[in-house]
Amino acid sequence: MNGLESSPSSQNPPRVGLLGIMQELYDDMIPGITETQGEYAQNIVDRLDGPVDVTFEGPARNRQDIERQMKRFNDEGLDGVVLVMLTYGPAMRTVRALSENELPVMLANVQPERNITKKWDMDDLTYNQGVHGAQDLANTLVRLGIDAPIISEDWRSDRFVEFVTDWAHAARAERSMRDMRVAQFGQMPGMGDITTSEHAFMKHLGPQVDRLSMGLIDERMRAVSDEAVAAAMAADAKRFEIDDDLSDDAHEYASRFEVAIQSLLEEEGYDGFSIYFDAVGDDGRFEQLHMLAASNLMAKGYGYAAEGDACCTSLVTAGHRLASDAHFTEMYAMDFDRDSILQSHMGEGNWKIARKDRPVKLIDRPLGIGGLDNPPTVLFMAEPGPATLVSLAPVGSDEYRLVVANGEILDTDELPNVEMPYFHFRPDSGVRDCLDGWLKNGGTHHQCLHLGDVSRRWEMWSDMLDIEVVHV
């Protein structure tokens, strides 16, 4: 997957701490064991380097070490903590540190050597005895009510690296929810599945949703420099195949709209936004809808959903932290011969997921919604291959559910009369069973999509937030 243009949290690897636990008892038995096991832990750090940025201070040999290191990981704002037993260590020493910890944790049940051989002596048994320390620690996690992912694996294996990488990205996405801020410009009345209590949403999931006036964007549009608009238009000319029918004036206005929205998000510290089309049309000061702005800002790493849907906006925003290039979409129609669903929306889409063998177009697009001038619209089909589709569904006064569908984006012919981003998504469970399950579980009509299978990351994210996850 491609990286995001201006979202450091998605470009850079997640940052986690490694808490390697042992005890002083073994120093008298095996002189140098602390240094030996410290080198082993550093080997784990080096194995994870690249996909994950790991902070490791050294073996934690007593309660003071454990509490100091865990406090440091929290103070530095890391995304999570990987717990590793370097030898056996009494788990009671971890209770205070784990009780006061605010970061997601996982338990890596690993040991230095892959296999037991005839050459092993009592020292080798001590070096590789982490498993019963992991059992003591896991029991403590259970008794503290901490639902930590666990993997028992050879630390050299790809499976180990992939598991920790998935968990670290999920942890970063979960952490992002805690201080996430979403700007909401209007909301479509009567649209039930996007409605939730802002108080309950913030209490249980974290994001702060602020209802803002379109006047804030208008004010910034009038302050945008011609140079900034020209730079945005030049960037579009490099990215897109621009329709000859698209006038420079229409493109210039759309770019001014985009720059204004981005300046507002940056200045006020918003991570994502949602605009209801009638909030634009009814305002009276705007000439177009925000189709180009939504597409380009999604590609830059901002969360977005339509019609004032704060739930899906937050989901797409978290999605950018979970994996590269989150895309906002919805289900439009079923195709029973292809066993697929046509995914689209009225003009917004993250063109970072576009198929590589066809140009992404910027077209002059008639759109009656909002009663304004034609909004320049990005047009593309998504890259064929595996994909993950998720919905954050309000299912009670203060309850939420993540509905997940794994599937495949099909390699299909273009639809010449469709003037918005689109693609066929074939669920692994089949269109009938998938949609039956989607509907029965309250899955919403706005969704977040990623290229590739990132369902395990979403599962881990849901567990961290104590949200039910359902696969359909």
Protein backbone atom coordinates (compact mmCIF):
# COMPACT_ATOMS: atom_id res chain seq x y z
CA MET A 1 0.00 0.00 0.00
CA ASN A 2 1.12 3.56 -0.68
CA GLY A 3 1.95 5.91 2.18
CA LEU A 4 -0.06 9.02 2.93
CA GLU A 5 1.09 12.36 1.58
CA SER A 6 0.85 14.35 4.79
CA SER A 7 -0.09 12.02 7.62
CA PRO A 8 3.03 11.25 9.67
CA SER A 9 1.10 8.86 11.89
CA SER A 10 0.53 6.64 8.86
CA GLN A 11 3.92 7.14 7.21
CA ASN A 12 5.91 6.28 10.33
CA PRO A 13 5.78 2.88 12.03
CA PRO A 14 3.87 2.53 15.30
CA ARG A 15 5.94 3.21 18.42
CA VAL A 16 5.82 0.57 21.15
CA GLY A 17 7.81 -0.31 24.22
CA LEU A 18 9.25 -3.74 24.97
CA LEU A 19 9.11 -4.65 28.66
CA GLY A 20 11.50 -7.58 29.10
CA ILE A 21 10.96 -9.15 32.52
CA MET A 22 13.35 -11.35 34.57
CA GLN A 23 14.62 -11.33 38.17
CA GLU A 24 17.86 -10.84 40.08
CA LEU A 25 17.76 -14.41 41.47
CA TYR A 26 19.49 -15.78 38.39
CA ASP A 27 22.45 -13.38 38.46
CA ASP A 28 24.14 -15.38 41.23
CA MET A 29 23.31 -18.69 39.53
CA ILE A 30 24.50 -17.68 36.06
CA PRO A 31 26.85 -14.68 36.04
CA GLY A 32 26.16 -12.48 32.99
CA ILE A 33 22.62 -13.75 32.43
CA THR A 34 21.19 -10.23 32.52
CA GLU A 35 23.50 -9.15 29.71
CA THR A 36 22.80 -12.34 27.74
CA GLN A 37 19.04 -11.95 28.00
CA GLY A 38 19.34 -8.25 27.25
CA GLU A 39 21.05 -9.16 23.97
CA TYR A 40 18.26 -11.63 23.24
CA ALA A 41 15.66 -8.91 23.81
CA GLN A 42 17.61 -6.57 21.54
CA ASN A 43 17.52 -9.27 18.86
CA ILE A 44 13.71 -9.21 19.11
CA VAL A 45 13.79 -5.42 18.77
CA ASP A 46 15.99 -5.71 15.68
CA ARG A 47 13.69 -8.35 14.17
CA LEU A 48 10.73 -6.00 14.52
CA ASP A 49 12.62 -2.96 13.27
CA GLY A 50 11.03 -1.40 10.22
CA PRO A 51 7.39 -2.42 10.63
CA VAL A 52 7.50 -1.30 14.27
CA ASP A 53 9.62 1.25 16.16
CA VAL A 54 10.48 -0.45 19.47
CA THR A 55 11.84 1.25 22.60
CA PHE A 56 13.83 -1.10 24.85
CA GLU A 57 15.70 0.14 27.90
CA GLY A 58 17.09 -3.14 29.21
CA PRO A 59 15.89 -6.09 31.27
CA ALA A 60 13.43 -5.23 34.06
CA ARG A 61 14.73 -7.28 37.01
CA ASN A 62 12.48 -6.11 39.84
CA ARG A 63 9.31 -4.23 40.61
CA GLN A 64 11.05 -0.86 40.53
CA ASP A 65 12.44 -1.52 37.05
CA ILE A 66 9.03 -2.65 35.79
CA GLU A 67 7.17 0.35 37.17
CA ARG A 68 9.81 2.84 35.98
CA GLN A 69 9.90 1.47 32.45
CA MET A 70 6.13 1.25 32.16
CA LYS A 71 5.80 4.84 33.37
CA ARG A 72 8.33 5.93 30.78
CA PHE A 73 6.39 4.25 27.97
CA ASN A 74 3.25 6.08 29.10
CA ASP A 75 4.99 9.42 29.57
CA GLU A 76 6.50 9.22 26.08
CA GLY A 77 3.08 8.57 24.56
CA LEU A 78 3.97 5.28 22.90
CA ASP A 79 1.22 3.33 21.17
CA GLY A 80 1.50 0.17 23.27
CA VAL A 81 3.70 -2.21 25.26
CA VAL A 82 4.92 -5.69 24.30
CA LEU A 83 5.43 -7.88 27.38
CA VAL A 84 8.21 -10.50 27.09
CA MET A 85 9.40 -12.89 29.78
CA LEU A 86 13.20 -13.03 29.42
CA THR A 87 13.24 -15.63 32.20
CA TYR A 88 10.72 -16.47 34.86
CA GLY A 89 9.79 -13.42 36.95
CA PRO A 90 7.13 -13.30 39.69
CA ALA A 91 4.05 -11.69 38.15
CA MET A 92 3.01 -9.91 41.36
CA ARG A 93 5.77 -7.43 40.59
CA THR A 94 3.81 -6.25 37.55
CA VAL A 95 0.45 -5.62 39.23
CA ARG A 96 0.92 -1.95 40.09
CA ALA A 97 2.52 -1.12 36.76
CA LEU A 98 -0.23 -2.85 34.80
CA SER A 99 -2.96 -1.29 36.95
CA GLU A 100 -1.67 2.24 36.31
CA ASN A 101 -0.77 1.66 32.65
CA GLU A 102 -2.96 3.42 30.05
CA LEU A 103 -1.45 1.82 26.96
CA PRO A 104 -2.62 -1.32 25.11
CA VAL A 105 -0.49 -4.35 25.99
CA MET A 106 0.20 -7.68 24.34
CA LEU A 107 2.05 -10.77 25.59
CA ALA A 108 4.70 -12.33 23.39
CA ASN A 109 5.33 -15.89 24.64
CA VAL A 110 8.76 -16.42 23.07
CA GLN A 111 12.16 -17.82 24.00
CA PRO A 112 15.72 -17.44 22.65
CA GLU A 113 16.03 -20.87 21.00
CA ARG A 114 13.63 -22.49 18.58
CA ASN A 115 14.39 -26.13 19.49
CA ILE A 116 15.63 -28.16 22.44
CA THR A 117 18.79 -30.17 21.69
CA LYS A 118 21.02 -32.70 23.45
CA LYS A 119 23.53 -29.93 24.07
CA TRP A 120 21.23 -28.11 26.43
CA ASP A 121 22.27 -27.87 30.09
CA MET A 122 20.67 -26.23 33.13
CA ASP A 123 21.78 -22.79 31.97
CA ASP A 124 20.01 -23.29 28.64
CA LEU A 125 16.85 -24.30 30.49
CA THR A 126 17.04 -21.08 32.49
CA TYR A 127 17.63 -18.92 29.40
CA ASN A 128 14.60 -20.48 27.69
CA GLN A 129 12.16 -20.79 30.60
CA GLY A 130 9.96 -17.83 29.68
CA VAL A 131 6.85 -19.92 29.10
CA HIS A 132 6.04 -20.50 32.75
CA GLY A 133 6.70 -16.86 33.48
CA ALA A 134 4.26 -16.05 30.69
CA GLN A 135 1.68 -18.28 32.38
CA ASP A 136 2.10 -16.45 35.70
CA LEU A 137 1.86 -13.08 33.94
CA ALA A 138 -1.12 -14.11 31.78
CA ASN A 139 -2.99 -15.18 34.92
CA THR A 140 -2.34 -11.75 36.38
CA LEU A 141 -3.63 -10.07 33.21
CA VAL A 142 -6.81 -12.12 33.42
CA ARG A 143 -7.31 -11.29 37.08
CA LEU A 144 -6.79 -7.59 36.36
CA GLY A 145 -9.39 -7.74 33.58
CA ILE A 146 -6.83 -6.86 30.90
CA ASP A 147 -7.73 -8.53 27.60
CA ALA A 148 -4.28 -8.68 26.00
CA PRO A 149 -3.57 -10.38 22.66
CA ILE A 150 -1.15 -13.29 23.05
CA ILE A 151 1.12 -15.06 20.60
CA SER A 152 3.25 -18.16 21.24
CA GLU A 153 5.76 -18.31 18.42
CA ASP A 154 9.38 -18.36 17.35
CA TRP A 155 10.40 -14.70 17.49
CA ARG A 156 12.37 -15.10 14.25
CA SER A 157 9.30 -16.11 12.24
CA ASP A 158 7.33 -13.94 9.83
CA ARG A 159 4.17 -14.92 11.69
CA PHE A 160 5.51 -13.33 14.86
CA VAL A 161 6.49 -10.10 13.10
CA GLU A 162 3.13 -9.89 11.31
CA PHE A 163 1.19 -10.42 14.53
CA VAL A 164 3.10 -7.76 16.46
CA THR A 165 2.87 -5.38 13.49
CA ASP A 166 -0.90 -5.83 13.25
CA TRP A 167 -1.30 -5.32 16.99
CA ALA A 168 0.92 -2.22 16.97
CA HIS A 169 -1.12 -0.61 14.17
CA ALA A 170 -4.34 -1.45 15.99
CA ALA A 171 -2.92 0.05 19.17
CA ARG A 172 -2.00 3.25 17.32
CA ALA A 173 -5.52 3.47 15.88
CA GLU A 174 -7.04 2.91 19.32
CA ARG A 175 -4.79 5.52 20.87
CA SER A 176 -5.77 8.00 18.17
CA MET A 177 -9.43 7.68 19.18
CA ARG A 178 -8.71 9.07 22.64
CA ASP A 179 -7.84 12.60 21.49
CA MET A 180 -9.48 12.56 18.05
CA ARG A 181 -11.40 15.68 17.03
CA VAL A 182 -13.94 15.64 14.22
CA ALA A 183 -15.53 18.68 12.55
CA GLN A 184 -19.17 18.26 11.57
CA PHE A 185 -20.79 20.72 9.16
CA GLY A 186 -24.49 19.88 9.29
CA GLN A 187 -26.19 16.49 9.36
CA MET A 188 -28.77 14.95 7.09
CA PRO A 189 -32.07 14.82 8.96
CA GLY A 190 -33.78 11.47 9.35
CA MET A 191 -30.73 9.37 8.47
CA GLY A 192 -30.99 6.96 11.38
CA ASP A 193 -27.81 4.88 11.18
CA ILE A 194 -25.51 7.92 11.40
CA THR A 195 -27.18 9.20 14.56
CA THR A 196 -25.65 8.62 17.99
CA SER A 197 -25.29 10.46 21.26
CA GLU A 198 -22.20 12.65 21.09
CA HIS A 199 -21.83 12.24 24.86
CA ALA A 200 -21.95 8.43 24.66
CA PHE A 201 -19.68 8.42 21.60
CA MET A 202 -16.99 10.44 23.34
CA LYS A 203 -17.38 8.55 26.62
CA HIS A 204 -17.07 5.07 25.15
CA LEU A 205 -14.89 5.60 22.06
CA GLY A 206 -13.09 8.91 22.60
CA PRO A 207 -13.64 11.23 19.60
CA GLN A 208 -14.85 14.76 20.20
CA VAL A 209 -17.41 15.87 17.61
CA ASP A 210 -17.76 19.64 17.12
CA ARG A 211 -20.67 21.10 15.17
CA LEU A 212 -19.31 23.97 13.10
CA SER A 213 -20.69 26.62 10.76
CA MET A 214 -19.95 26.79 7.04
CA GLY A 215 -19.11 30.43 7.70
CA LEU A 216 -15.76 29.29 9.11
CA ILE A 217 -14.89 27.79 5.75
CA ASP A 218 -16.19 30.81 3.83
CA GLU A 219 -14.02 33.08 5.93
CA ARG A 220 -10.94 31.04 5.10
CA MET A 221 -11.82 30.80 1.41
CA ARG A 222 -11.69 34.59 1.18
CA ALA A 223 -8.29 34.55 2.88
CA VAL A 224 -6.70 31.82 0.72
CA SER A 225 -3.86 33.16 -1.42
CA ASP A 226 -3.80 32.78 -5.18
CA GLU A 227 -0.43 31.09 -4.81
CA ALA A 228 -1.89 28.38 -2.56
CA VAL A 229 -4.70 27.77 -5.05
CA ALA A 230 -2.25 27.58 -7.95
CA ALA A 231 -0.13 25.05 -6.03
CA ALA A 232 -3.17 22.87 -5.37
CA MET A 233 -4.18 22.99 -9.03
CA ALA A 234 -0.64 22.12 -10.12
CA ALA A 235 -0.65 19.12 -7.77
CA ASP A 236 -3.92 17.96 -9.35
CA ALA A 237 -2.42 18.30 -12.81
CA LYS A 238 0.34 15.86 -11.79
CA ARG A 239 -2.05 13.37 -10.18
CA PHE A 240 -4.99 13.35 -12.53
CA GLU A 241 -5.98 13.25 -16.16
CA ILE A 242 -8.00 16.46 -16.29
CA ASP A 243 -11.16 16.61 -18.38
CA ASP A 244 -10.99 19.12 -21.25
CA ASP A 245 -14.53 20.19 -20.34
CA LEU A 246 -13.45 21.22 -16.85
CA SER A 247 -12.98 24.98 -16.82
CA ASP A 248 -10.07 26.61 -15.02
CA ASP A 249 -12.54 28.71 -13.04
CA ALA A 250 -14.39 25.65 -11.73
CA HIS A 251 -11.12 23.90 -10.87
CA GLU A 252 -9.78 27.03 -9.19
CA TYR A 253 -12.89 27.35 -7.03
CA ALA A 254 -12.72 23.68 -5.99
CA SER A 255 -9.05 24.08 -5.08
CA ARG A 256 -9.78 27.21 -3.04
CA PHE A 257 -12.49 25.24 -1.20
CA GLU A 258 -9.98 22.44 -0.50
CA VAL A 259 -7.24 24.74 0.78
CA ALA A 260 -9.73 26.54 3.02
CA ILE A 261 -11.00 23.32 4.59
CA GLN A 262 -7.47 22.03 5.15
CA SER A 263 -6.38 25.29 6.76
CA LEU A 264 -9.34 25.09 9.15
CA LEU A 265 -8.55 21.48 10.05
CA GLU A 266 -4.90 22.28 10.62
CA GLU A 267 -5.43 25.48 12.59
CA GLU A 268 -8.11 24.04 14.86
CA GLY A 269 -6.55 20.59 15.28
CA TYR A 270 -9.20 18.47 13.59
CA ASP A 271 -8.34 14.97 12.39
CA GLY A 272 -11.38 14.47 10.19
CA PHE A 273 -14.51 16.20 8.90
CA SER A 274 -17.96 15.58 7.52
CA ILE A 275 -20.05 17.98 5.42
CA TYR A 276 -23.75 17.58 4.65
CA PHE A 277 -24.41 18.75 1.09
CA ASP A 278 -27.40 20.91 2.06
CA ALA A 279 -25.24 22.68 4.64
CA VAL A 280 -23.28 23.88 1.61
CA GLY A 281 -26.22 24.49 -0.71
CA ASP A 282 -28.49 26.19 1.82
CA ASP A 283 -25.75 28.47 3.09
CA GLY A 284 -25.96 30.69 0.01
CA ARG A 285 -22.28 31.63 -0.17
CA PHE A 286 -20.87 28.60 -2.02
CA GLU A 287 -20.80 27.79 -5.73
CA GLN A 288 -19.96 24.07 -5.58
CA LEU A 289 -20.05 21.05 -3.34
CA HIS A 290 -16.82 19.80 -1.78
CA MET A 291 -16.16 16.66 -3.87
CA LEU A 292 -12.55 17.44 -4.82
CA ALA A 293 -11.67 18.65 -1.33
CA ALA A 294 -13.02 15.49 0.28
CA SER A 295 -11.07 13.24 -2.09
CA ASN A 296 -7.76 15.06 -1.84
CA LEU A 297 -7.95 15.47 1.93
CA MET A 298 -8.70 11.79 2.40
CA ALA A 299 -5.61 11.05 0.32
CA LYS A 300 -3.65 13.34 2.65
CA GLY A 301 -4.70 11.31 5.70
CA TYR A 302 -7.75 13.14 7.00
CA GLY A 303 -10.84 11.20 7.94
CA TYR A 304 -14.01 11.88 6.00
CA ALA A 305 -17.59 10.71 5.68
CA ALA A 306 -20.60 12.32 4.06
CA GLU A 307 -23.84 13.83 5.39
CA GLY A 308 -22.56 14.68 8.85
CA ASP A 309 -21.78 11.06 9.76
CA ALA A 310 -19.43 11.47 12.72
CA CYS A 311 -19.27 7.71 13.40
CA CYS A 312 -17.94 6.87 9.95
CA THR A 313 -15.71 9.95 9.88
CA SER A 314 -14.07 8.73 13.09
CA LEU A 315 -13.79 5.23 11.65
CA VAL A 316 -12.05 6.45 8.49
CA THR A 317 -9.78 8.67 10.59
CA ALA A 318 -8.81 5.70 12.77
CA GLY A 319 -8.47 3.66 9.59
CA HIS A 320 -5.65 5.91 8.41
CA ARG A 321 -3.75 5.02 11.60
CA LEU A 322 -4.61 1.35 11.28
CA ALA A 323 -3.32 0.93 7.71
CA SER A 324 -2.51 3.12 4.73
CA ASP A 325 -5.15 4.78 2.61
CA ALA A 326 -8.53 4.42 4.27
CA HIS A 327 -11.38 5.02 1.81
CA PHE A 328 -14.94 6.22 2.45
CA THR A 329 -17.63 4.38 0.50
CA GLU A 330 -21.12 2.93 0.59
CA MET A 331 -23.05 0.05 -0.95
CA TYR A 332 -25.04 1.15 -3.99
CA ALA A 333 -26.45 -1.96 -5.66
CA MET A 334 -26.21 -5.75 -5.78
CA ASP A 335 -24.97 -7.72 -8.79
CA PHE A 336 -26.08 -11.34 -8.42
CA ASP A 337 -24.28 -12.63 -11.52
CA ARG A 338 -20.95 -11.28 -10.28
CA ASP A 339 -21.90 -12.11 -6.66
CA SER A 340 -20.80 -8.58 -5.80
CA ILE A 341 -21.83 -5.19 -4.50
CA LEU A 342 -21.23 -1.96 -6.41
CA GLN A 343 -19.48 0.42 -4.00
CA SER A 344 -19.52 4.17 -4.58
CA HIS A 345 -20.68 7.52 -3.23
CA MET A 346 -21.71 10.75 -4.85
CA GLY A 347 -18.18 11.93 -5.65
CA GLU A 348 -15.86 11.54 -2.67
CA GLY A 349 -13.15 8.88 -2.68
CA ASN A 350 -9.55 8.31 -1.66
CA TRP A 351 -7.78 8.06 -5.01
CA LYS A 352 -4.80 6.40 -3.31
CA ILE A 353 -6.70 3.10 -3.74
CA ALA A 354 -7.20 3.62 -7.51
CA ARG A 355 -6.14 0.86 -9.85
CA LYS A 356 -2.64 1.39 -11.15
CA ASP A 357 -3.24 0.56 -14.80
CA ARG A 358 -5.77 3.33 -15.48
CA PRO A 359 -5.49 7.08 -15.00
CA VAL A 360 -7.37 8.83 -12.24
CA LYS A 361 -9.54 11.46 -13.88
CA LEU A 362 -10.72 14.85 -12.71
CA ILE A 363 -13.97 15.52 -14.54
CA ASP A 364 -16.56 18.24 -15.01
CA ARG A 365 -19.44 16.50 -13.34
CA PRO A 366 -23.10 17.61 -13.38
CA LEU A 367 -24.64 17.04 -9.96
CA GLY A 368 -28.06 18.36 -9.04
CA ILE A 369 -27.67 17.64 -5.32
CA GLY A 370 -27.25 20.93 -3.47
CA GLY A 371 -28.48 22.99 -6.44
CA LEU A 372 -25.01 24.39 -7.16
CA ASP A 373 -22.56 24.47 -10.07
CA ASN A 374 -20.89 21.32 -11.34
CA PRO A 375 -18.35 20.15 -8.74
CA PRO A 376 -15.03 18.92 -10.20
CA THR A 377 -14.99 15.24 -9.25
CA VAL A 378 -12.24 12.63 -9.04
CA LEU A 379 -13.19 9.50 -11.03
CA PHE A 380 -11.48 6.12 -10.61
CA MET A 381 -11.96 2.41 -10.04
CA ALA A 382 -10.24 0.68 -7.14
CA GLU A 383 -7.25 -1.66 -7.50
CA PRO A 384 -8.43 -5.26 -7.91
CA GLY A 385 -7.53 -7.71 -5.17
CA PRO A 386 -8.30 -8.51 -1.53
CA ALA A 387 -10.05 -5.82 0.49
CA THR A 388 -11.61 -5.25 3.91
CA LEU A 389 -14.89 -3.38 4.42
CA VAL A 390 -15.96 -2.22 7.90
CA SER A 391 -18.83 -0.33 9.50
CA LEU A 392 -19.01 1.24 12.96
CA ALA A 393 -22.64 0.73 13.91
CA PRO A 394 -24.48 2.38 16.81
CA VAL A 395 -26.65 -0.45 18.16
CA GLY A 396 -27.92 0.98 21.44
CA SER A 397 -27.95 4.13 23.51
CA ASP A 398 -24.28 3.67 24.32
CA GLU A 399 -23.28 0.51 22.46
CA TYR A 400 -21.36 0.12 19.21
CA ARG A 401 -20.54 -2.79 16.96
CA LEU A 402 -17.93 -3.24 14.24
CA VAL A 403 -19.26 -5.14 11.24
CA VAL A 404 -16.51 -6.59 9.03
CA ALA A 405 -16.65 -8.11 5.56
CA ASN A 406 -13.60 -9.55 3.86
CA GLY A 407 -13.70 -9.88 0.11
CA GLU A 408 -12.22 -9.01 -3.25
CA ILE A 409 -12.36 -5.97 -5.49
CA LEU A 410 -13.13 -7.36 -8.93
CA ASP A 411 -11.35 -6.56 -12.17
CA THR A 412 -14.31 -5.27 -14.17
CA ASP A 413 -14.92 -3.11 -17.20
CA GLU A 414 -15.57 0.58 -16.76
CA LEU A 415 -19.11 1.88 -16.36
CA PRO A 416 -19.05 4.82 -18.81
CA ASN A 417 -22.09 6.55 -17.32
CA VAL A 418 -20.98 6.44 -13.68
CA GLU A 419 -19.30 9.75 -12.79
CA MET A 420 -17.96 9.03 -9.31
CA PRO A 421 -15.46 6.60 -7.73
CA TYR A 422 -16.76 3.02 -7.94
CA PHE A 423 -15.83 -0.66 -7.93
CA HIS A 424 -17.35 -4.12 -7.49
CA PHE A 425 -16.71 -5.71 -4.08
CA ARG A 426 -17.31 -9.47 -3.88
CA PRO A 427 -17.65 -10.62 -0.24
CA ASP A 428 -15.93 -13.88 0.64
CA SER A 429 -19.24 -15.06 2.13
CA GLY A 430 -21.17 -14.21 -1.03
CA VAL A 431 -23.38 -11.23 -1.63
CA ARG A 432 -26.52 -12.86 -0.18
CA ASP A 433 -25.07 -14.12 3.10
CA CYS A 434 -22.91 -11.03 3.55
CA LEU A 435 -25.79 -8.62 3.19
CA ASP A 436 -28.11 -10.74 5.31
CA GLY A 437 -25.49 -10.66 8.06
CA TRP A 438 -24.76 -6.97 7.52
CA LEU A 439 -28.42 -6.04 7.90
CA LYS A 440 -29.09 -8.35 10.85
CA ASN A 441 -26.18 -6.84 12.75
CA GLY A 442 -27.11 -3.21 12.06
CA GLY A 443 -24.25 -2.49 9.68
CA THR A 444 -24.52 1.09 8.44
CA HIS A 445 -24.75 2.39 4.87
CA HIS A 446 -21.48 4.34 5.20
CA GLN A 447 -18.29 2.29 5.40
CA CYS A 448 -14.50 2.37 5.51
CA LEU A 449 -12.53 0.23 3.05
CA HIS A 450 -8.87 -0.79 2.87
CA LEU A 451 -7.03 -2.65 0.16
CA GLY A 452 -5.77 -5.96 1.52
CA ASP A 453 -6.86 -8.03 4.49
CA VAL A 454 -6.58 -5.86 7.60
CA SER A 455 -9.41 -7.57 9.46
CA ARG A 456 -7.15 -8.80 12.28
CA ARG A 457 -6.08 -5.23 12.96
CA TRP A 458 -9.73 -4.15 13.15
CA GLU A 459 -10.49 -7.08 15.49
CA MET A 460 -7.66 -6.05 17.80
CA TRP A 461 -8.80 -2.42 17.65
CA SER A 462 -12.32 -3.46 18.60
CA ASP A 463 -11.06 -5.54 21.53
CA MET A 464 -9.07 -2.58 22.83
CA LEU A 465 -12.21 -0.42 22.72
CA ASP A 466 -14.42 -3.20 24.09
CA ILE A 467 -16.58 -3.16 20.97
CA GLU A 468 -18.29 -6.27 19.68
CA VAL A 469 -16.94 -7.33 16.27
CA VAL A 470 -19.01 -9.39 13.83
CA HIS A 471 -17.80 -10.94 10.57
CA VAL A 472 -20.37 -11.31 7.81
